[in-house]
């Protein structure tokens, strides 16, 4: 059972500070004349959040009461929290933040693009929670041919199950593809499944029998880090790969491949 014992004081202070920085005009309420305390009153926040005053007071006092992710999300909107503040609220209340719809497509920071260029000759690309490929360096494009796919359909999971070139590139595709899919399932579990991530899964279930079969197995493996074998110019080439979180709030991560020092081998004809 979750408890807010450890964070109740910080939660109380945080909620109070965010309530006090808002004026009635900020939330579309009449000012009501002079106020003895700054910001909104507790009863105003409670009404806007759709809960009783006593219950909200208990939350602001950090009492051990149950709170749902839906309520916390609504409260974050009432208090006009930004992404970082919203995440902080969820963590203080010991809840996992759901994915924010509309954050799937976002601008990759220029510094990350510079970093990817500096990583060359190592292939590097940026994925979001849905596994859309948001940015990549020249070496990654040479290896995975990202540019051949329109930006709105440049998705690593879709490429894995619908692109013949990806199937040919990935040695032991029948073994590796379900492992990669099981790694994606962890991200799917983190998401708000009423968003475009569910649309992607539904689409692939219809057009890929392999995806449909493996998705029903509910396998979950460790993160996609380790060794991968790719067929390049008829040779079996060994790559080590890892992913680095670059923006936790937007679920962005940088994936980097580095060719292993082991010699490449000719693939059997």
Protein backbone atom coordinates (compact mmCIF):
# COMPACT_ATOMS: atom_id res chain seq x y z
CA UNK A 1 0.00 0.00 0.00
CA UNK A 2 1.35 3.43 -0.97
CA UNK A 3 1.94 5.93 1.79
CA UNK A 4 2.76 9.62 1.66
CA UNK A 5 4.47 9.57 5.06
CA UNK A 6 7.86 10.27 3.54
CA UNK A 7 6.71 13.12 1.31
CA UNK A 8 3.64 14.56 3.06
CA UNK A 9 5.38 17.75 4.19
CA UNK A 10 6.86 18.43 0.79
CA UNK A 11 3.56 17.64 -0.93
CA UNK A 12 1.69 20.05 1.36
CA UNK A 13 4.20 22.83 0.73
CA UNK A 14 4.25 22.21 -3.01
CA UNK A 15 0.45 22.28 -3.40
CA UNK A 16 0.13 25.36 -1.23
CA UNK A 17 2.82 27.24 -3.16
CA UNK A 18 1.23 26.45 -6.52
CA UNK A 19 -2.24 27.38 -5.25
CA UNK A 20 -1.01 30.69 -3.88
CA UNK A 21 0.69 31.78 -7.09
CA UNK A 22 -2.60 31.73 -9.02
CA UNK A 23 -5.16 34.48 -8.97
CA UNK A 24 -8.91 33.94 -9.48
CA UNK A 25 -8.60 35.67 -12.85
CA UNK A 26 -6.03 33.04 -13.91
CA UNK A 27 -8.66 30.32 -13.67
CA UNK A 28 -11.66 32.33 -14.85
CA UNK A 29 -13.13 33.17 -11.43
CA UNK A 30 -14.20 36.61 -10.16
CA UNK A 31 -11.69 38.16 -7.79
CA UNK A 32 -14.30 38.70 -5.10
CA UNK A 33 -12.65 41.76 -3.63
CA UNK A 34 -9.81 41.87 -1.15
CA UNK A 35 -8.31 38.59 0.10
CA UNK A 36 -6.45 37.97 3.32
CA UNK A 37 -4.22 35.33 1.71
CA UNK A 38 -2.57 35.29 -1.72
CA UNK A 39 -3.77 33.13 -4.55
CA UNK A 40 -6.70 30.76 -4.74
CA UNK A 41 -8.59 29.44 -1.76
CA UNK A 42 -8.67 25.72 -1.05
CA UNK A 43 -12.39 25.58 -1.73
CA UNK A 44 -11.84 27.11 -5.17
CA UNK A 45 -9.20 24.54 -6.09
CA UNK A 46 -11.43 21.75 -4.77
CA UNK A 47 -14.38 22.95 -6.83
CA UNK A 48 -12.31 23.30 -9.99
CA UNK A 49 -10.80 19.83 -9.46
CA UNK A 50 -14.22 18.31 -8.83
CA UNK A 51 -13.65 17.08 -5.25
CA UNK A 52 -14.89 18.02 -1.82
CA UNK A 53 -13.17 20.67 0.27
CA UNK A 54 -12.42 18.27 3.13
CA UNK A 55 -10.87 15.71 0.81
CA UNK A 56 -8.69 18.31 -0.95
CA UNK A 57 -7.65 19.75 2.43
CA UNK A 58 -6.53 16.30 3.51
CA UNK A 59 -4.48 15.96 0.32
CA UNK A 60 -2.85 19.34 0.83
CA UNK A 61 -2.04 18.27 4.39
CA UNK A 62 -0.36 15.14 3.04
CA UNK A 63 -2.69 12.70 4.77
CA UNK A 64 -2.61 9.03 3.74
CA UNK A 65 -5.53 9.04 1.33
CA UNK A 66 -5.85 7.30 -2.00
CA UNK A 67 -5.48 9.42 -5.11
CA UNK A 68 -5.95 8.32 -8.69
CA UNK A 69 -3.76 9.27 -11.64
CA UNK A 70 -6.84 10.82 -13.29
CA UNK A 71 -7.42 13.14 -10.33
CA UNK A 72 -3.77 14.17 -10.13
CA UNK A 73 -3.76 14.91 -13.85
CA UNK A 74 -6.87 17.07 -13.41
CA UNK A 75 -5.35 18.84 -10.40
CA UNK A 76 -2.20 19.57 -12.41
CA UNK A 77 -4.36 21.30 -15.03
CA UNK A 78 -6.23 23.32 -12.39
CA UNK A 79 -2.97 24.48 -10.82
CA UNK A 80 -1.52 25.13 -14.31
CA UNK A 81 1.57 23.03 -13.68
CA UNK A 82 4.18 22.67 -16.39
CA UNK A 83 5.56 19.24 -17.37
CA UNK A 84 8.27 19.19 -14.70
CA UNK A 85 5.90 20.34 -11.95
CA UNK A 86 3.27 17.82 -13.01
CA UNK A 87 5.79 15.00 -12.82
CA UNK A 88 6.89 16.22 -9.39
CA UNK A 89 3.29 16.19 -8.16
CA UNK A 90 2.83 12.58 -9.24
CA UNK A 91 6.06 11.49 -7.60
CA UNK A 92 5.21 13.23 -4.34
CA UNK A 93 1.86 11.45 -4.33
CA UNK A 94 3.62 8.17 -5.16
CA UNK A 95 1.85 7.79 -8.47
CA UNK A 96 3.34 7.05 -11.86
CA UNK A 97 2.80 9.95 -14.29
CA UNK A 98 0.80 8.89 -17.34
CA UNK A 99 2.00 9.92 -20.76
CA UNK A 100 0.88 13.32 -21.91
CA UNK A 101 -1.05 13.15 -25.20
CA UNK A 102 0.35 15.53 -27.80
CA UNK A 103 3.94 15.11 -26.65
CA UNK A 104 4.62 12.37 -29.22
CA UNK A 105 5.90 14.87 -31.76
CA UNK A 106 8.34 17.37 -30.38
CA UNK A 107 11.43 19.30 -31.32
CA UNK A 108 14.72 17.52 -30.66
CA UNK A 109 17.12 20.01 -29.01
CA UNK A 110 19.85 21.36 -31.26
CA UNK A 111 22.49 20.17 -28.80
CA UNK A 112 21.32 16.56 -29.21
CA UNK A 113 21.55 16.90 -32.99
CA UNK A 114 25.11 18.21 -32.60
CA UNK A 115 25.92 15.33 -30.29
CA UNK A 116 24.65 12.81 -32.84
CA UNK A 117 26.82 14.39 -35.52
CA UNK A 118 29.81 14.26 -33.18
CA UNK A 119 29.14 10.56 -32.54
CA UNK A 120 29.76 9.69 -36.18
CA UNK A 121 30.86 7.20 -37.43
CA UNK A 122 28.58 5.54 -34.86
CA UNK A 123 24.90 5.34 -35.94
CA UNK A 124 22.69 7.29 -33.53
CA UNK A 125 19.01 8.23 -33.51
CA UNK A 126 16.34 9.59 -31.15
CA UNK A 127 13.15 7.70 -30.26
CA UNK A 128 10.09 8.74 -28.32
CA UNK A 129 7.79 6.47 -26.32
CA UNK A 130 5.98 5.39 -29.49
CA UNK A 131 9.32 4.62 -31.16
CA UNK A 132 8.94 7.33 -33.76
CA UNK A 133 12.38 8.20 -35.13
CA UNK A 134 12.55 11.94 -34.45
CA UNK A 135 16.17 12.57 -35.46
CA UNK A 136 19.19 10.64 -36.71
CA UNK A 137 22.71 11.16 -37.94
CA UNK A 138 24.08 10.41 -41.39
CA UNK A 139 25.56 7.07 -40.34
CA UNK A 140 22.26 5.86 -38.94
CA UNK A 141 20.52 6.79 -42.18
CA UNK A 142 23.10 4.84 -44.18
CA UNK A 143 22.43 1.79 -42.01
CA UNK A 144 18.65 1.94 -41.50
CA UNK A 145 17.53 4.13 -44.47
CA UNK A 146 15.30 6.31 -42.30
CA UNK A 147 15.03 8.97 -45.01
CA UNK A 148 13.17 6.59 -47.30
CA UNK A 149 10.17 6.76 -44.95
CA UNK A 150 7.95 9.86 -44.62
CA UNK A 151 8.46 11.58 -41.28
CA UNK A 152 4.92 10.80 -40.11
CA UNK A 153 5.54 7.07 -40.71
CA UNK A 154 9.19 6.93 -39.71
CA UNK A 155 8.63 4.54 -36.83
CA UNK A 156 11.14 1.88 -35.79
CA UNK A 157 8.51 -0.69 -34.82
CA UNK A 158 6.60 -0.22 -38.08
CA UNK A 159 9.85 -0.57 -40.03
CA UNK A 160 10.73 -3.73 -38.12
CA UNK A 161 7.50 -5.47 -39.14
CA UNK A 162 6.69 -3.95 -42.54
CA UNK A 163 9.98 -3.01 -44.21
CA UNK A 164 11.65 -5.91 -46.11
CA UNK A 165 14.98 -4.08 -45.99
CA UNK A 166 14.89 -4.05 -42.18
CA UNK A 167 14.12 -7.78 -42.11
CA UNK A 168 17.10 -8.44 -44.39
CA UNK A 169 19.37 -6.17 -42.35
CA UNK A 170 18.62 -7.82 -39.00
CA UNK A 171 20.26 -11.26 -38.83
CA UNK A 172 18.09 -13.89 -37.11
CA UNK A 173 15.05 -11.63 -37.55
CA UNK A 174 12.68 -14.36 -36.29
CA UNK A 175 14.57 -14.40 -32.98
CA UNK A 176 15.39 -10.71 -32.62
CA UNK A 177 12.07 -9.19 -33.72
CA UNK A 178 10.00 -10.67 -30.83
CA UNK A 179 12.71 -9.59 -28.38
CA UNK A 180 12.60 -6.05 -29.69
CA UNK A 181 8.81 -6.12 -29.55
CA UNK A 182 8.90 -7.24 -25.91
CA UNK A 183 11.09 -4.22 -25.14
CA UNK A 184 8.55 -1.95 -26.82
CA UNK A 185 5.85 -3.47 -24.61
CA UNK A 186 7.50 -1.84 -21.57
CA UNK A 187 7.06 1.56 -23.20
CA UNK A 188 3.50 0.71 -24.16
CA UNK A 189 2.79 -0.03 -20.49
CA UNK A 190 4.10 3.43 -19.55
CA UNK A 191 1.82 5.13 -22.02
CA UNK A 192 -1.69 6.42 -21.99
CA UNK A 193 -3.06 3.66 -24.19
CA UNK A 194 -5.82 5.88 -25.60
CA UNK A 195 -3.24 7.84 -27.59
CA UNK A 196 -1.57 7.31 -30.94
CA UNK A 197 0.59 4.56 -29.48
CA UNK A 198 -2.48 2.32 -29.35
CA UNK A 199 -3.32 3.24 -32.92
CA UNK A 200 0.13 2.03 -33.96
CA UNK A 201 -0.35 -1.31 -32.20
CA UNK A 202 -3.81 -1.77 -33.71
CA UNK A 203 -2.46 -1.00 -37.18
CA UNK A 204 0.41 -3.50 -36.90
CA UNK A 205 -1.88 -6.22 -35.54
CA UNK A 206 -3.91 -5.94 -38.74
CA UNK A 207 -1.08 -5.82 -41.29
CA UNK A 208 1.57 -8.09 -39.72
CA UNK A 209 0.68 -11.67 -38.72
CA UNK A 210 4.01 -11.98 -36.90
CA UNK A 211 3.32 -8.87 -34.85
CA UNK A 212 -0.21 -10.04 -34.04
CA UNK A 213 1.04 -13.45 -32.87
CA UNK A 214 3.90 -12.17 -30.75
CA UNK A 215 1.90 -9.29 -29.28
CA UNK A 216 -0.59 -11.78 -27.83
CA UNK A 217 2.21 -13.62 -26.01
CA UNK A 218 2.83 -10.67 -23.64
CA UNK A 219 6.56 -11.38 -23.36
CA UNK A 220 8.61 -8.73 -21.55
CA UNK A 221 12.40 -8.71 -21.75
CA UNK A 222 15.14 -6.48 -20.42
CA UNK A 223 15.86 -3.15 -22.14
CA UNK A 224 17.20 -3.24 -25.70
CA UNK A 225 20.87 -3.00 -24.84
CA UNK A 226 23.59 -5.45 -25.81
CA UNK A 227 24.75 -7.04 -29.05
CA UNK A 228 23.02 -7.09 -32.40
CA UNK A 229 24.11 -8.74 -35.65
CA UNK A 230 23.44 -6.89 -38.91
CA UNK A 231 24.10 -7.96 -42.48
CA UNK A 232 26.05 -5.24 -44.28
CA UNK A 233 27.33 -5.81 -47.83
CA UNK A 234 26.90 -9.55 -47.40
CA UNK A 235 28.87 -9.64 -44.17
CA UNK A 236 27.71 -10.43 -40.65
CA UNK A 237 28.67 -7.35 -38.66
CA UNK A 238 28.52 -7.18 -34.86
CA UNK A 239 27.25 -4.02 -33.16
CA UNK A 240 26.92 -3.13 -29.51
CA UNK A 241 24.01 -0.82 -28.80
CA UNK A 242 22.62 1.12 -25.88
CA UNK A 243 20.07 3.85 -25.18
CA UNK A 244 20.45 7.00 -23.09
CA UNK A 245 17.58 9.06 -21.64
CA UNK A 246 17.83 12.65 -22.90
CA UNK A 247 14.41 13.97 -21.82
CA UNK A 248 12.49 12.01 -19.19
CA UNK A 249 9.36 14.18 -19.36
CA UNK A 250 8.98 13.70 -23.10
CA UNK A 251 10.24 10.10 -22.99
CA UNK A 252 13.05 10.81 -25.46
CA UNK A 253 16.07 8.58 -25.64
CA UNK A 254 19.19 8.49 -27.76
CA UNK A 255 20.06 5.09 -29.25
CA UNK A 256 23.69 4.54 -30.23
CA UNK A 257 25.27 1.65 -32.15
CA UNK A 258 29.00 0.97 -32.02
CA UNK A 259 30.62 -1.61 -34.25
CA UNK A 260 32.27 -4.34 -32.23
CA UNK A 261 36.00 -4.89 -32.44
CA UNK A 262 35.38 -8.49 -33.49
CA UNK A 263 35.94 -9.14 -37.17
CA UNK A 264 33.03 -9.22 -39.56
CA UNK A 265 32.13 -12.55 -41.11
CA UNK A 266 30.82 -13.46 -44.54
CA UNK A 267 27.16 -14.44 -44.31
CA UNK A 268 26.31 -17.88 -45.71
CA UNK A 269 24.87 -17.76 -49.21
